[in-house]
Amino acid sequence: MNKLLATLVAGAFVASSTIALAQTPATPATPATPATPAAPAASSSGSMKSDAAMNHDNMSKKSKHAKNKSKKKAAKDAKKAAATDTSMKSETKPAK
């Protein structure tokens, strides 16, 4: 069993080495031409925010805290509203 396992491992190594050698590219006769740098993209009319609008360094800690607090409050209110909507549905009884 050990000989069979050793033979299989050696065969797998030989097969993978042969495949790896077959995939190496041949040396080119002429050197490759260097890639040209990409041209800067044209600025769009308003679909993207400007760099000044994306800069968050000018935001004070207080305004960051207030912004995060308002987001949390909005999420909490949305959760509360969703909970009351489901509870209201269960309390109403169909008319007979």
PDB file of N, CA and C in Angstrom:
ATOM      1  N   MET A   1       0.822  -1.188   0.000  1.00  0.00           N
ATOM      2  CA  MET A   1       0.000   0.000   0.000  1.00  0.00           C
ATOM      3  C   MET A   1       0.870   1.257   0.000  1.00  0.00           C
ATOM      4  N   ASN A   2       1.971   1.213   0.777  1.00  0.00           N
ATOM      5  CA  ASN A   2       2.870   2.364   0.832  1.00  0.00           C
ATOM      6  C   ASN A   2       3.537   2.615  -0.513  1.00  0.00           C
ATOM      7  N   LYS A   3       3.904   1.513  -1.210  1.00  0.00           N
ATOM      8  CA  LYS A   3       4.544   1.657  -2.518  1.00  0.00           C
ATOM      9  C   LYS A   3       3.564   2.272  -3.520  1.00  0.00           C
ATOM     10  N   LEU A   4       2.325   1.858  -3.447  1.00  0.00           N
ATOM     11  CA  LEU A   4       1.309   2.396  -4.355  1.00  0.00           C
ATOM     12  C   LEU A   4       1.111   3.893  -4.091  1.00  0.00           C
ATOM     13  N   LEU A   5       1.030   4.265  -2.839  1.00  0.00           N
ATOM     14  CA  LEU A   5       0.853   5.662  -2.483  1.00  0.00           C
ATOM     15  C   LEU A   5       2.057   6.493  -2.939  1.00  0.00           C
ATOM     16  N   ALA A   6       3.249   5.983  -2.730  1.00  0.00           N
ATOM     17  CA  ALA A   6       4.460   6.697  -3.144  1.00  0.00           C
ATOM     18  C   ALA A   6       4.501   6.839  -4.663  1.00  0.00           C
ATOM     19  N   THR A   7       4.089   5.821  -5.384  1.00  0.00           N
ATOM     20  CA  THR A   7       4.064   5.869  -6.841  1.00  0.00           C
ATOM     21  C   THR A   7       3.047   6.888  -7.337  1.00  0.00           C
ATOM     22  N   LEU A   8       1.884   6.934  -6.709  1.00  0.00           N
ATOM     23  CA  LEU A   8       0.865   7.902  -7.105  1.00  0.00           C
ATOM     24  C   LEU A   8       1.326   9.336  -6.846  1.00  0.00           C
ATOM     25  N   VAL A   9       1.978   9.571  -5.708  1.00  0.00           N
ATOM     26  CA  VAL A   9       2.468  10.901  -5.392  1.00  0.00           C
ATOM     27  C   VAL A   9       3.555  11.304  -6.393  1.00  0.00           C
ATOM     28  N   ALA A  10       4.458  10.400  -6.699  1.00  0.00           N
ATOM     29  CA  ALA A  10       5.520  10.701  -7.656  1.00  0.00           C
ATOM     30  C   ALA A  10       4.936  10.952  -9.044  1.00  0.00           C
ATOM     31  N   GLY A  11       3.938  10.185  -9.446  1.00  0.00           N
ATOM     32  CA  GLY A  11       3.291  10.386 -10.738  1.00  0.00           C
ATOM     33  C   GLY A  11       2.584  11.733 -10.814  1.00  0.00           C
ATOM     34  N   ALA A  12       1.938  12.122  -9.740  1.00  0.00           N
ATOM     35  CA  ALA A  12       1.263  13.422  -9.709  1.00  0.00           C
ATOM     36  C   ALA A  12       2.280  14.552  -9.810  1.00  0.00           C
ATOM     37  N   PHE A  13       3.423  14.382  -9.152  1.00  0.00           N
ATOM     38  CA  PHE A  13       4.465  15.401  -9.226  1.00  0.00           C
ATOM     39  C   PHE A  13       5.007  15.512 -10.644  1.00  0.00           C
ATOM     40  N   VAL A  14       5.263  14.395 -11.289  1.00  0.00           N
ATOM     41  CA  VAL A  14       5.785  14.409 -12.655  1.00  0.00           C
ATOM     42  C   VAL A  14       4.765  15.044 -13.601  1.00  0.00           C
ATOM     43  N   ALA A  15       3.494  14.701 -13.450  1.00  0.00           N
ATOM     44  CA  ALA A  15       2.464  15.249 -14.332  1.00  0.00           C
ATOM     45  C   ALA A  15       2.337  16.753 -14.150  1.00  0.00           C
ATOM     46  N   SER A  16       2.331  17.221 -12.901  1.00  0.00           N
ATOM     47  CA  SER A  16       2.190  18.663 -12.672  1.00  0.00           C
ATOM     48  C   SER A  16       3.422  19.425 -13.150  1.00  0.00           C
ATOM     49  N   SER A  17       4.600  18.845 -12.986  1.00  0.00           N
ATOM     50  CA  SER A  17       5.824  19.490 -13.468  1.00  0.00           C
ATOM     51  C   SER A  17       5.821  19.587 -14.985  1.00  0.00           C
ATOM     52  N   THR A  18       5.387  18.535 -15.660  1.00  0.00           N
ATOM     53  CA  THR A  18       5.341  18.538 -17.120  1.00  0.00           C
ATOM     54  C   THR A  18       4.350  19.579 -17.630  1.00  0.00           C
ATOM     55  N   ILE A  19       3.208  19.676 -16.977  1.00  0.00           N
ATOM     56  CA  ILE A  19       2.196  20.661 -17.384  1.00  0.00           C
ATOM     57  C   ILE A  19       2.720  22.075 -17.143  1.00  0.00           C
ATOM     58  N   ALA A  20       3.425  22.285 -16.035  1.00  0.00           N
ATOM     59  CA  ALA A  20       3.960  23.608 -15.730  1.00  0.00           C
ATOM     60  C   ALA A  20       5.025  23.999 -16.752  1.00  0.00           C
ATOM     61  N   LEU A  21       5.869  23.049 -17.158  1.00  0.00           N
ATOM     62  CA  LEU A  21       6.881  23.345 -18.167  1.00  0.00           C
ATOM     63  C   LEU A  21       6.244  23.656 -19.516  1.00  0.00           C
ATOM     64  N   ALA A  22       5.171  22.975 -19.831  1.00  0.00           N
ATOM     65  CA  ALA A  22       4.510  23.191 -21.113  1.00  0.00           C
ATOM     66  C   ALA A  22       3.852  24.561 -21.177  1.00  0.00           C
ATOM     67  N   GLN A  23       3.518  25.129 -20.023  1.00  0.00           N
ATOM     68  CA  GLN A  23       2.831  26.416 -20.004  1.00  0.00           C
ATOM     69  C   GLN A  23       3.774  27.612 -19.985  1.00  0.00           C
ATOM     70  N   THR A  24       5.070  27.406 -19.774  1.00  0.00           N
ATOM     71  CA  THR A  24       5.985  28.540 -19.752  1.00  0.00           C
ATOM     72  C   THR A  24       6.128  29.103 -21.157  1.00  0.00           C
ATOM     73  N   PRO A  25       6.095  30.418 -21.308  1.00  0.00           N
ATOM     74  CA  PRO A  25       6.180  31.007 -22.644  1.00  0.00           C
ATOM     75  C   PRO A  25       7.591  30.924 -23.193  1.00  0.00           C
ATOM     76  N   ALA A  26       7.688  30.820 -24.482  1.00  0.00           N
ATOM     77  CA  ALA A  26       8.985  30.817 -25.142  1.00  0.00           C
ATOM     78  C   ALA A  26       9.556  32.231 -25.080  1.00  0.00           C
ATOM     79  N   THR A  27      10.868  32.357 -25.122  1.00  0.00           N
ATOM     80  CA  THR A  27      11.474  33.684 -25.073  1.00  0.00           C
ATOM     81  C   THR A  27      11.150  34.431 -26.359  1.00  0.00           C
ATOM     82  N   PRO A  28      10.682  35.659 -26.275  1.00  0.00           N
ATOM     83  CA  PRO A  28      10.309  36.395 -27.476  1.00  0.00           C
ATOM     84  C   PRO A  28      11.541  36.847 -28.262  1.00  0.00           C
ATOM     85  N   ALA A  29      11.405  36.945 -29.570  1.00  0.00           N
ATOM     86  CA  ALA A  29      12.508  37.375 -30.419  1.00  0.00           C
ATOM     87  C   ALA A  29      12.755  38.866 -30.232  1.00  0.00           C
ATOM     88  N   THR A  30      11.681  39.641 -30.057  1.00  0.00           N
ATOM     89  CA  THR A  30      11.817  41.075 -29.839  1.00  0.00           C
ATOM     90  C   THR A  30      11.249  41.405 -28.466  1.00  0.00           C
ATOM     91  N   PRO A  31      11.821  42.370 -27.787  1.00  0.00           N
ATOM     92  CA  PRO A  31      11.275  42.725 -26.469  1.00  0.00           C
ATOM     93  C   PRO A  31       9.881  43.332 -26.602  1.00  0.00           C
ATOM     94  N   ALA A  32       9.087  43.135 -25.607  1.00  0.00           N
ATOM     95  CA  ALA A  32       7.716  43.638 -25.620  1.00  0.00           C
ATOM     96  C   ALA A  32       7.718  45.151 -25.507  1.00  0.00           C
ATOM     97  N   THR A  33       6.743  45.764 -26.158  1.00  0.00           N
ATOM     98  CA  THR A  33       6.633  47.223 -26.084  1.00  0.00           C
ATOM     99  C   THR A  33       5.987  47.598 -24.755  1.00  0.00           C
ATOM    100  N   PRO A  34       6.456  48.664 -24.132  1.00  0.00           N
ATOM    101  CA  PRO A  34       5.860  49.053 -22.850  1.00  0.00           C
ATOM    102  C   PRO A  34       4.434  49.555 -23.046  1.00  0.00           C
ATOM    103  N   ALA A  35       3.638  49.351 -22.050  1.00  0.00           N
ATOM    104  CA  ALA A  35       2.237  49.766 -22.112  1.00  0.00           C
ATOM    105  C   ALA A  35       2.146  51.277 -22.006  1.00  0.00           C
ATOM    106  N   THR A  36       1.179  51.835 -22.717  1.00  0.00           N
ATOM    107  CA  THR A  36       0.977  53.276 -22.647  1.00  0.00           C
ATOM    108  C   THR A  36       0.098  53.590 -21.451  1.00  0.00           C
ATOM    109  N   PRO A  37       0.400  54.662 -20.730  1.00  0.00           N
ATOM    110  CA  PRO A  37      -0.437  54.994 -19.571  1.00  0.00           C
ATOM    111  C   PRO A  37      -1.836  55.415 -20.014  1.00  0.00           C
ATOM    112  N   ALA A  38      -2.803  55.102 -19.195  1.00  0.00           N
ATOM    113  CA  ALA A  38      -4.193  55.426 -19.513  1.00  0.00           C
ATOM    114  C   ALA A  38      -4.410  56.924 -19.405  1.00  0.00           C
ATOM    115  N   ALA A  39      -5.255  57.436 -20.278  1.00  0.00           N
ATOM    116  CA  ALA A  39      -5.582  58.855 -20.257  1.00  0.00           C
ATOM    117  C   ALA A  39      -6.539  59.125 -19.098  1.00  0.00           C
ATOM    118  N   PRO A  40      -6.430  60.274 -18.451  1.00  0.00           N
ATOM    119  CA  PRO A  40      -7.363  60.568 -17.352  1.00  0.00           C
ATOM    120  C   PRO A  40      -8.785  60.682 -17.888  1.00  0.00           C
ATOM    121  N   ALA A  41      -9.720  60.206 -17.104  1.00  0.00           N
ATOM    122  CA  ALA A  41     -11.118  60.207 -17.517  1.00  0.00           C
ATOM    123  C   ALA A  41     -11.650  61.627 -17.554  1.00  0.00           C
ATOM    124  N   ALA A  42     -12.541  61.866 -18.482  1.00  0.00           N
ATOM    125  CA  ALA A  42     -13.170  63.181 -18.575  1.00  0.00           C
ATOM    126  C   ALA A  42     -14.128  63.355 -17.408  1.00  0.00           C
ATOM    127  N   SER A  43     -14.172  64.544 -16.844  1.00  0.00           N
ATOM    128  CA  SER A  43     -15.048  64.770 -15.701  1.00  0.00           C
ATOM    129  C   SER A  43     -16.494  64.814 -16.172  1.00  0.00           C
ATOM    130  N   SER A  44     -17.341  64.137 -15.446  1.00  0.00           N
ATOM    131  CA  SER A  44     -18.754  64.101 -15.810  1.00  0.00           C
ATOM    132  C   SER A  44     -19.465  65.327 -15.259  1.00  0.00           C
ATOM    133  N   SER A  45     -20.654  65.584 -15.744  1.00  0.00           N
ATOM    134  CA  SER A  45     -21.357  66.811 -15.384  1.00  0.00           C
ATOM    135  C   SER A  45     -21.842  66.815 -13.939  1.00  0.00           C
ATOM    136  N   GLY A  46     -22.159  65.673 -13.372  1.00  0.00           N
ATOM    137  CA  GLY A  46     -22.644  65.706 -11.997  1.00  0.00           C
ATOM    138  C   GLY A  46     -22.956  64.329 -11.462  1.00  0.00           C
ATOM    139  N   SER A  47     -22.572  63.302 -12.191  1.00  0.00           N
ATOM    140  CA  SER A  47     -22.911  61.970 -11.731  1.00  0.00           C
ATOM    141  C   SER A  47     -22.019  61.516 -10.585  1.00  0.00           C
ATOM    142  N   MET A  48     -20.847  62.118 -10.465  1.00  0.00           N
ATOM    143  CA  MET A  48     -19.956  61.745  -9.375  1.00  0.00           C
ATOM    144  C   MET A  48     -19.730  62.950  -8.471  1.00  0.00           C
ATOM    145  N   LYS A  49     -19.442  62.683  -7.206  1.00  0.00           N
ATOM    146  CA  LYS A  49     -19.169  63.762  -6.269  1.00  0.00           C
ATOM    147  C   LYS A  49     -17.763  64.311  -6.535  1.00  0.00           C
ATOM    148  N   SER A  50     -17.579  65.560  -6.271  1.00  0.00           N
ATOM    149  CA  SER A  50     -16.260  66.154  -6.456  1.00  0.00           C
ATOM    150  C   SER A  50     -15.342  65.693  -5.335  1.00  0.00           C
ATOM    151  N   ASP A  51     -14.055  65.911  -5.531  1.00  0.00           N
ATOM    152  CA  ASP A  51     -13.092  65.518  -4.512  1.00  0.00           C
ATOM    153  C   ASP A  51     -13.319  66.265  -3.213  1.00  0.00           C
ATOM    154  N   ALA A  52     -13.757  67.506  -3.303  1.00  0.00           N
ATOM    155  CA  ALA A  52     -14.005  68.282  -2.092  1.00  0.00           C
ATOM    156  C   ALA A  52     -15.175  67.696  -1.306  1.00  0.00           C
ATOM    157  N   ALA A  53     -16.170  67.184  -2.012  1.00  0.00           N
ATOM    158  CA  ALA A  53     -17.323  66.609  -1.326  1.00  0.00           C
ATOM    159  C   ALA A  53     -16.978  65.259  -0.704  1.00  0.00           C
ATOM    160  N   MET A  54     -15.996  64.569  -1.271  1.00  0.00           N
ATOM    161  CA  MET A  54     -15.604  63.264  -0.756  1.00  0.00           C
ATOM    162  C   MET A  54     -14.623  63.367   0.413  1.00  0.00           C
ATOM    163  N   ASN A  55     -14.072  64.546   0.658  1.00  0.00           N
ATOM    164  CA  ASN A  55     -13.091  64.737   1.712  1.00  0.00           C
ATOM    165  C   ASN A  55     -13.808  64.842   3.054  1.00  0.00           C
ATOM    166  N   HIS A  56     -13.480  63.923   3.953  1.00  0.00           N
ATOM    167  CA  HIS A  56     -14.127  63.919   5.264  1.00  0.00           C
ATOM    168  C   HIS A  56     -13.203  64.445   6.350  1.00  0.00           C
ATOM    169  N   ASP A  57     -12.024  64.934   5.964  1.00  0.00           N
ATOM    170  CA  ASP A  57     -11.083  65.432   6.966  1.00  0.00           C
ATOM    171  C   ASP A  57     -11.566  66.727   7.599  1.00  0.00           C
ATOM    172  N   ASN A  58     -12.344  67.506   6.852  1.00  0.00           N
ATOM    173  CA  ASN A  58     -12.791  68.786   7.391  1.00  0.00           C
ATOM    174  C   ASN A  58     -13.989  68.641   8.327  1.00  0.00           C
ATOM    175  N   MET A  59     -14.496  67.455   8.496  1.00  0.00           N
ATOM    176  CA  MET A  59     -15.652  67.235   9.361  1.00  0.00           C
ATOM    177  C   MET A  59     -15.178  67.134  10.811  1.00  0.00           C
ATOM    178  N   SER A  60     -15.792  67.890  11.708  1.00  0.00           N
ATOM    179  CA  SER A  60     -15.381  67.857  13.102  1.00  0.00           C
ATOM    180  C   SER A  60     -15.910  66.601  13.777  1.00  0.00           C
ATOM    181  N   LYS A  61     -15.340  66.298  14.934  1.00  0.00           N
ATOM    182  CA  LYS A  61     -15.766  65.103  15.665  1.00  0.00           C
ATOM    183  C   LYS A  61     -17.220  65.215  16.099  1.00  0.00           C
ATOM    184  N   LYS A  62     -17.636  66.432  16.456  1.00  0.00           N
ATOM    185  CA  LYS A  62     -19.016  66.616  16.901  1.00  0.00           C
ATOM    186  C   LYS A  62     -19.995  66.361  15.770  1.00  0.00           C
ATOM    187  N   SER A  63     -19.667  66.841  14.596  1.00  0.00           N
ATOM    188  CA  SER A  63     -20.596  66.635  13.484  1.00  0.00           C
ATOM    189  C   SER A  63     -20.619  65.167  13.068  1.00  0.00           C
ATOM    190  N   LYS A  64     -19.456  64.470  13.167  1.00  0.00           N
ATOM    191  CA  LYS A  64     -19.427  63.034  12.877  1.00  0.00           C
ATOM    192  C   LYS A  64     -20.306  62.292  13.876  1.00  0.00           C
ATOM    193  N   HIS A  65     -20.179  62.671  15.155  1.00  0.00           N
ATOM    194  CA  HIS A  65     -20.955  62.015  16.206  1.00  0.00           C
ATOM    195  C   HIS A  65     -22.446  62.262  15.989  1.00  0.00           C
ATOM    196  N   ALA A  66     -22.797  63.485  15.658  1.00  0.00           N
ATOM    197  CA  ALA A  66     -24.210  63.817  15.437  1.00  0.00           C
ATOM    198  C   ALA A  66     -24.752  63.072  14.227  1.00  0.00           C
ATOM    199  N   LYS A  67     -23.942  62.947  13.189  1.00  0.00           N
ATOM    200  CA  LYS A  67     -24.378  62.238  11.985  1.00  0.00           C
ATOM    201  C   LYS A  67     -24.617  60.754  12.298  1.00  0.00           C
ATOM    202  N   ASN A  68     -23.678  60.146  13.029  1.00  0.00           N
ATOM    203  CA  ASN A  68     -23.837  58.738  13.401  1.00  0.00           C
ATOM    204  C   ASN A  68     -25.033  58.547  14.324  1.00  0.00           C
ATOM    205  N   LYS A  69     -25.225  59.473  15.229  1.00  0.00           N
ATOM    206  CA  LYS A  69     -26.339  59.377  16.176  1.00  0.00           C
ATOM    207  C   LYS A  69     -27.674  59.462  15.437  1.00  0.00           C
ATOM    208  N   SER A  70     -27.752  60.350  14.449  1.00  0.00           N
ATOM    209  CA  SER A  70     -29.005  60.483  13.709  1.00  0.00           C
ATOM    210  C   SER A  70     -29.272  59.236  12.862  1.00  0.00           C
ATOM    211  N   LYS A  71     -28.210  58.625  12.332  1.00  0.00           N
ATOM    212  CA  LYS A  71     -28.385  57.390  11.565  1.00  0.00           C
ATOM    213  C   LYS A  71     -28.908  56.268  12.460  1.00  0.00           C
ATOM    214  N   LYS A  72     -28.326  56.166  13.658  1.00  0.00           N
ATOM    215  CA  LYS A  72     -28.761  55.127  14.591  1.00  0.00           C
ATOM    216  C   LYS A  72     -30.205  55.337  15.007  1.00  0.00           C
ATOM    217  N   LYS A  73     -30.565  56.607  15.236  1.00  0.00           N
ATOM    218  CA  LYS A  73     -31.930  56.909  15.649  1.00  0.00           C
ATOM    219  C   LYS A  73     -32.913  56.575  14.532  1.00  0.00           C
ATOM    220  N   ALA A  74     -32.541  56.886  13.298  1.00  0.00           N
ATOM    221  CA  ALA A  74     -33.410  56.593  12.166  1.00  0.00           C
ATOM    222  C   ALA A  74     -33.607  55.079  12.010  1.00  0.00           C
ATOM    223  N   ALA A  75     -32.531  54.324  12.206  1.00  0.00           N
ATOM    224  CA  ALA A  75     -32.633  52.869  12.116  1.00  0.00           C
ATOM    225  C   ALA A  75     -33.506  52.315  13.232  1.00  0.00           C
ATOM    226  N   LYS A  76     -33.352  52.874  14.425  1.00  0.00           N
ATOM    227  CA  LYS A  76     -34.149  52.429  15.568  1.00  0.00           C
ATOM    228  C   LYS A  76     -35.627  52.736  15.343  1.00  0.00           C
ATOM    229  N   ASP A  77     -35.917  53.930  14.821  1.00  0.00           N
ATOM    230  CA  ASP A  77     -37.303  54.307  14.539  1.00  0.00           C
ATOM    231  C   ASP A  77     -37.906  53.409  13.464  1.00  0.00           C
ATOM    232  N   ALA A  78     -37.109  53.069  12.457  1.00  0.00           N
ATOM    233  CA  ALA A  78     -37.603  52.194  11.391  1.00  0.00           C
ATOM    234  C   ALA A  78     -37.925  50.806  11.935  1.00  0.00           C
ATOM    235  N   LYS A  79     -37.063  50.319  12.837  1.00  0.00           N
ATOM    236  CA  LYS A  79     -37.318  49.014  13.458  1.00  0.00           C
ATOM    237  C   LYS A  79     -38.601  49.053  14.286  1.00  0.00           C
ATOM    238  N   LYS A  80     -38.744  50.143  15.029  1.00  0.00           N
ATOM    239  CA  LYS A  80     -39.915  50.289  15.890  1.00  0.00           C
ATOM    240  C   LYS A  80     -41.191  50.369  15.054  1.00  0.00           C
ATOM    241  N   ALA A  81     -41.119  51.105  13.940  1.00  0.00           N
ATOM    242  CA  ALA A  81     -42.279  51.228  13.061  1.00  0.00           C
ATOM    243  C   ALA A  81     -42.635  49.881  12.439  1.00  0.00           C
ATOM    244  N   ALA A  82     -41.625  49.110  12.072  1.00  0.00           N
ATOM    245  CA  ALA A  82     -41.877  47.798  11.483  1.00  0.00           C
ATOM    246  C   ALA A  82     -42.499  46.861  12.510  1.00  0.00           C
ATOM    247  N   ALA A  83     -42.063  46.966  13.754  1.00  0.00           N
ATOM    248  CA  ALA A  83     -42.613  46.119  14.817  1.00  0.00           C
ATOM    249  C   ALA A  83     -44.058  46.486  15.101  1.00  0.00           C
ATOM    250  N   THR A  84     -44.390  47.768  15.090  1.00  0.00           N
ATOM    251  CA  THR A  84     -45.771  48.158  15.365  1.00  0.00           C
ATOM    252  C   THR A  84     -46.681  47.810  14.192  1.00  0.00           C
ATOM    253  N   ASP A  85     -46.146  47.833  12.973  1.00  0.00           N
ATOM    254  CA  ASP A  85     -46.954  47.456  11.816  1.00  0.00           C
ATOM    255  C   ASP A  85     -47.357  45.990  11.891  1.00  0.00           C
ATOM    256  N   THR A  86     -46.435  45.129  12.283  1.00  0.00           N
ATOM    257  CA  THR A  86     -46.758  43.704  12.359  1.00  0.00           C
ATOM    258  C   THR A  86     -47.693  43.427  13.523  1.00  0.00           C
ATOM    259  N   SER A  87     -47.514  44.150  14.640  1.00  0.00           N
ATOM    260  CA  SER A  87     -48.383  43.906  15.786  1.00  0.00           C
ATOM    261  C   SER A  87     -49.795  44.426  15.509  1.00  0.00           C
ATOM    262  N   MET A  88     -49.915  45.493  14.742  1.00  0.00           N
ATOM    263  CA  MET A  88     -51.227  46.040  14.399  1.00  0.00           C
ATOM    264  C   MET A  88     -51.993  45.055  13.520  1.00  0.00           C
ATOM    265  N   LYS A  89     -51.309  44.375  12.649  1.00  0.00           N
ATOM    266  CA  LYS A  89     -51.973  43.428  11.760  1.00  0.00           C
ATOM    267  C   LYS A  89     -52.537  42.251  12.523  1.00  0.00           C
ATOM    268  N   SER A  90     -51.821  41.828  13.562  1.00  0.00           N
ATOM    269  CA  SER A  90     -52.280  40.669  14.306  1.00  0.00           C
ATOM    270  C   SER A  90     -53.446  41.020  15.240  1.00  0.00           C
ATOM    271  N   GLU A  91     -53.544  42.303  15.653  1.00  0.00           N
ATOM    272  CA  GLU A  91     -54.607  42.696  16.571  1.00  0.00           C
ATOM    273  C   GLU A  91     -55.945  42.891  15.868  1.00  0.00           C
ATOM    274  N   THR A  92     -55.929  43.261  14.622  1.00  0.00           N
ATOM    275  CA  THR A  92     -57.194  43.480  13.912  1.00  0.00           C
ATOM    276  C   THR A  92     -57.872  42.149  13.601  1.00  0.00           C
ATOM    277  N   LYS A  93     -59.159  42.120  13.830  1.00  0.00           N
ATOM    278  CA  LYS A  93     -59.915  40.884  13.585  1.00  0.00           C
ATOM    279  C   LYS A  93     -60.849  41.135  12.413  1.00  0.00           C
ATOM    280  N   PRO A  94     -60.990  40.133  11.573  1.00  0.00           N
ATOM    281  CA  PRO A  94     -61.883  40.330  10.425  1.00  0.00           C
ATOM    282  C   PRO A  94     -63.324  40.455  10.853  1.00  0.00           C
ATOM    283  N   ALA A  95     -64.091  41.272  10.146  1.00  0.00           N
ATOM    284  CA  ALA A  95     -65.512  41.475  10.446  1.00  0.00           C
ATOM    285  C   ALA A  95     -66.291  40.252   9.978  1.00  0.00           C
ATOM    286  N   LYS A  96     -67.330  39.886  10.775  1.00  0.00           N
ATOM    287  CA  LYS A  96     -68.129  38.707  10.422  1.00  0.00           C
ATOM    288  C   LYS A  96     -69.429  39.099   9.808  1.00  0.00           C
TER     289      LYS A  96
END
